[in-house]
Amino acid sequence: MIKLISLATALAAAMGGVALAGQCEDDIAKIDGALATMELAPDERAQLEDMREQALKLCSAGNVQEGLDVASEAKAMLRIE
């Protein structure tokens, strides 16, 4: 019984991570779209591109919540949801 509960808990945690990882991909795509269409000052564009890369690296390394936080900050700067 304990093994079954442990397995169920591990499965639920893994599925939650997959959902967050999908959110990372969605946020990165939104940032990419905004960077492709918006006119930005060169220094602002460089900062946002750096933030995008940081978010991507964090998400890829399994630090999904940190990646989402960085992506959220970049989206706020771009005034997108």
N, C-alpha and C. Protein backbone atom coordinates (compact mmCIF):
# COMPACT_ATOMS: atom_id res chain seq x y z
N MET A 1 0.82 -1.19 0.00
CA MET A 1 0.00 0.00 0.00
C MET A 1 0.86 1.26 0.00
N ILE A 2 1.92 1.25 0.82
CA ILE A 2 2.81 2.41 0.88
C ILE A 2 3.49 2.63 -0.46
N LYS A 3 3.88 1.52 -1.13
CA LYS A 3 4.50 1.65 -2.44
C LYS A 3 3.55 2.28 -3.44
N LEU A 4 2.29 1.92 -3.38
CA LEU A 4 1.29 2.46 -4.29
C LEU A 4 1.11 3.95 -4.06
N ILE A 5 1.07 4.37 -2.81
CA ILE A 5 0.93 5.79 -2.49
C ILE A 5 2.16 6.56 -2.96
N SER A 6 3.34 5.99 -2.75
CA SER A 6 4.59 6.63 -3.19
C SER A 6 4.61 6.76 -4.71
N LEU A 7 4.18 5.73 -5.40
CA LEU A 7 4.14 5.76 -6.86
C LEU A 7 3.16 6.82 -7.35
N ALA A 8 2.00 6.88 -6.73
CA ALA A 8 0.99 7.86 -7.12
C ALA A 8 1.49 9.29 -6.87
N THR A 9 2.17 9.49 -5.77
CA THR A 9 2.73 10.81 -5.46
C THR A 9 3.79 11.20 -6.47
N ALA A 10 4.67 10.28 -6.81
CA ALA A 10 5.72 10.55 -7.78
C ALA A 10 5.14 10.86 -9.16
N LEU A 11 4.13 10.12 -9.55
CA LEU A 11 3.48 10.34 -10.84
C LEU A 11 2.81 11.71 -10.88
N ALA A 12 2.14 12.09 -9.82
CA ALA A 12 1.48 13.40 -9.77
C ALA A 12 2.51 14.52 -9.84
N ALA A 13 3.63 14.37 -9.17
CA ALA A 13 4.68 15.38 -9.20
C ALA A 13 5.27 15.50 -10.60
N ALA A 14 5.48 14.38 -11.26
CA ALA A 14 6.03 14.40 -12.60
C ALA A 14 5.08 15.07 -13.58
N MET A 15 3.82 14.80 -13.46
CA MET A 15 2.83 15.41 -14.36
C MET A 15 2.74 16.91 -14.12
N GLY A 16 2.88 17.34 -12.89
CA GLY A 16 2.87 18.77 -12.59
C GLY A 16 4.05 19.46 -13.23
N GLY A 17 5.21 18.81 -13.22
CA GLY A 17 6.40 19.36 -13.86
C GLY A 17 6.23 19.50 -15.36
N VAL A 18 5.55 18.54 -15.97
CA VAL A 18 5.30 18.58 -17.41
C VAL A 18 4.40 19.77 -17.74
N ALA A 19 3.40 20.01 -16.92
CA ALA A 19 2.49 21.14 -17.15
C ALA A 19 3.24 22.45 -17.05
N LEU A 20 4.12 22.58 -16.06
CA LEU A 20 4.90 23.80 -15.92
C LEU A 20 5.87 23.97 -17.08
N ALA A 21 6.46 22.88 -17.53
CA ALA A 21 7.38 22.95 -18.65
C ALA A 21 6.66 23.44 -19.90
N GLY A 22 5.42 23.02 -20.09
CA GLY A 22 4.62 23.50 -21.21
C GLY A 22 4.36 24.98 -21.10
N GLN A 23 4.18 25.46 -19.88
CA GLN A 23 3.98 26.89 -19.66
C GLN A 23 5.24 27.66 -20.05
N CYS A 24 6.42 27.09 -19.76
CA CYS A 24 7.69 27.71 -20.17
C CYS A 24 7.71 27.90 -21.68
N GLU A 25 7.37 26.84 -22.40
CA GLU A 25 7.38 26.90 -23.87
C GLU A 25 6.40 27.97 -24.37
N ASP A 26 5.24 28.04 -23.76
CA ASP A 26 4.25 29.05 -24.16
C ASP A 26 4.77 30.46 -23.91
N ASP A 27 5.36 30.68 -22.74
CA ASP A 27 5.87 32.00 -22.41
C ASP A 27 7.02 32.41 -23.33
N ILE A 28 7.92 31.48 -23.62
CA ILE A 28 9.04 31.77 -24.52
C ILE A 28 8.52 32.12 -25.91
N ALA A 29 7.50 31.40 -26.38
CA ALA A 29 6.91 31.68 -27.69
C ALA A 29 6.28 33.07 -27.71
N LYS A 30 5.61 33.46 -26.63
CA LYS A 30 5.01 34.79 -26.56
C LYS A 30 6.09 35.87 -26.58
N ILE A 31 7.17 35.64 -25.86
CA ILE A 31 8.28 36.60 -25.84
C ILE A 31 8.89 36.69 -27.23
N ASP A 32 9.11 35.55 -27.88
CA ASP A 32 9.67 35.54 -29.24
C ASP A 32 8.79 36.34 -30.20
N GLY A 33 7.49 36.13 -30.11
CA GLY A 33 6.56 36.85 -30.99
C GLY A 33 6.64 38.35 -30.78
N ALA A 34 6.69 38.76 -29.52
CA ALA A 34 6.77 40.19 -29.23
C ALA A 34 8.10 40.78 -29.68
N LEU A 35 9.19 40.05 -29.46
CA LEU A 35 10.51 40.54 -29.89
C LEU A 35 10.58 40.67 -31.41
N ALA A 36 9.88 39.81 -32.11
CA ALA A 36 9.91 39.83 -33.57
C ALA A 36 9.11 41.00 -34.15
N THR A 37 8.13 41.48 -33.41
CA THR A 37 7.24 42.50 -33.98
C THR A 37 7.36 43.88 -33.35
N MET A 38 7.91 43.97 -32.16
CA MET A 38 7.95 45.25 -31.45
C MET A 38 9.22 46.03 -31.76
N GLU A 39 9.05 47.34 -31.83
CA GLU A 39 10.22 48.22 -31.96
C GLU A 39 10.70 48.53 -30.56
N LEU A 40 11.96 48.20 -30.29
CA LEU A 40 12.54 48.39 -28.97
C LEU A 40 13.88 49.08 -29.11
N ALA A 41 14.27 49.80 -28.07
CA ALA A 41 15.61 50.37 -28.04
C ALA A 41 16.61 49.22 -28.00
N PRO A 42 17.77 49.40 -28.60
CA PRO A 42 18.75 48.32 -28.64
C PRO A 42 19.11 47.76 -27.26
N ASP A 43 19.26 48.61 -26.27
CA ASP A 43 19.61 48.12 -24.94
C ASP A 43 18.47 47.35 -24.30
N GLU A 44 17.24 47.81 -24.55
CA GLU A 44 16.07 47.10 -24.02
C GLU A 44 15.92 45.74 -24.71
N ARG A 45 16.12 45.70 -26.02
CA ARG A 45 16.05 44.44 -26.76
C ARG A 45 17.09 43.45 -26.25
N ALA A 46 18.31 43.95 -26.02
CA ALA A 46 19.38 43.08 -25.53
C ALA A 46 19.03 42.52 -24.15
N GLN A 47 18.46 43.36 -23.29
CA GLN A 47 18.07 42.90 -21.95
C GLN A 47 16.98 41.84 -22.04
N LEU A 48 16.00 42.07 -22.87
CA LEU A 48 14.89 41.12 -23.02
C LEU A 48 15.35 39.81 -23.65
N GLU A 49 16.24 39.89 -24.62
CA GLU A 49 16.78 38.66 -25.22
C GLU A 49 17.58 37.86 -24.19
N ASP A 50 18.31 38.57 -23.33
CA ASP A 50 19.06 37.90 -22.27
C ASP A 50 18.10 37.23 -21.28
N MET A 51 17.04 37.93 -20.92
CA MET A 51 16.04 37.36 -20.00
C MET A 51 15.39 36.13 -20.62
N ARG A 52 15.11 36.19 -21.92
CA ARG A 52 14.50 35.05 -22.62
C ARG A 52 15.44 33.84 -22.53
N GLU A 53 16.72 34.07 -22.78
CA GLU A 53 17.70 32.99 -22.71
C GLU A 53 17.82 32.43 -21.29
N GLN A 54 17.81 33.31 -20.31
CA GLN A 54 17.86 32.87 -18.91
C GLN A 54 16.67 31.99 -18.58
N ALA A 55 15.48 32.44 -18.98
CA ALA A 55 14.26 31.67 -18.72
C ALA A 55 14.33 30.30 -19.38
N LEU A 56 14.78 30.27 -20.62
CA LEU A 56 14.89 29.01 -21.35
C LEU A 56 15.88 28.07 -20.66
N LYS A 57 17.03 28.58 -20.26
CA LYS A 57 18.04 27.75 -19.59
C LYS A 57 17.52 27.22 -18.26
N LEU A 58 16.86 28.08 -17.50
CA LEU A 58 16.32 27.64 -16.21
C LEU A 58 15.28 26.55 -16.40
N CYS A 59 14.36 26.76 -17.32
CA CYS A 59 13.32 25.75 -17.57
C CYS A 59 13.93 24.44 -18.05
N SER A 60 14.91 24.53 -18.94
CA SER A 60 15.55 23.33 -19.48
C SER A 60 16.32 22.57 -18.41
N ALA A 61 16.84 23.31 -17.42
CA ALA A 61 17.61 22.68 -16.34
C ALA A 61 16.72 22.13 -15.24
N GLY A 62 15.41 22.29 -15.38
CA GLY A 62 14.48 21.78 -14.38
C GLY A 62 14.10 22.79 -13.32
N ASN A 63 14.61 24.00 -13.42
CA ASN A 63 14.24 25.07 -12.49
C ASN A 63 13.08 25.85 -13.10
N VAL A 64 11.98 25.15 -13.27
CA VAL A 64 10.86 25.66 -14.04
C VAL A 64 10.26 26.91 -13.40
N GLN A 65 10.03 26.90 -12.11
CA GLN A 65 9.40 28.07 -11.49
C GLN A 65 10.28 29.31 -11.63
N GLU A 66 11.59 29.15 -11.47
CA GLU A 66 12.50 30.28 -11.66
C GLU A 66 12.45 30.77 -13.10
N GLY A 67 12.39 29.84 -14.04
CA GLY A 67 12.29 30.21 -15.45
C GLY A 67 11.01 30.96 -15.74
N LEU A 68 9.91 30.49 -15.16
CA LEU A 68 8.63 31.17 -15.34
C LEU A 68 8.65 32.57 -14.74
N ASP A 69 9.35 32.73 -13.62
CA ASP A 69 9.46 34.05 -12.99
C ASP A 69 10.20 35.03 -13.89
N VAL A 70 11.30 34.58 -14.48
CA VAL A 70 12.07 35.44 -15.38
C VAL A 70 11.24 35.75 -16.63
N ALA A 71 10.58 34.74 -17.18
CA ALA A 71 9.74 34.95 -18.36
C ALA A 71 8.60 35.92 -18.05
N SER A 72 8.03 35.81 -16.87
CA SER A 72 6.94 36.70 -16.47
C SER A 72 7.42 38.14 -16.40
N GLU A 73 8.62 38.34 -15.88
CA GLU A 73 9.18 39.69 -15.81
C GLU A 73 9.40 40.24 -17.23
N ALA A 74 9.91 39.41 -18.11
CA ALA A 74 10.12 39.86 -19.51
C ALA A 74 8.80 40.18 -20.17
N LYS A 75 7.78 39.36 -19.95
CA LYS A 75 6.47 39.63 -20.54
C LYS A 75 5.89 40.93 -19.99
N ALA A 76 6.11 41.21 -18.74
CA ALA A 76 5.62 42.47 -18.16
C ALA A 76 6.32 43.66 -18.83
N MET A 77 7.62 43.53 -19.06
CA MET A 77 8.35 44.60 -19.72
C MET A 77 7.85 44.82 -21.15
N LEU A 78 7.43 43.72 -21.79
CA LEU A 78 6.91 43.78 -23.15
C LEU A 78 5.41 44.13 -23.19
N ARG A 79 4.80 44.19 -22.03
CA ARG A 79 3.36 44.47 -21.87
C ARG A 79 2.51 43.44 -22.61
N ILE A 80 2.88 42.17 -22.42
CA ILE A 80 2.08 41.06 -22.97
C ILE A 80 1.70 40.13 -21.83
N GLU A 81 0.69 39.31 -22.06
CA GLU A 81 0.23 38.38 -21.04
C GLU A 81 0.86 37.03 -21.18
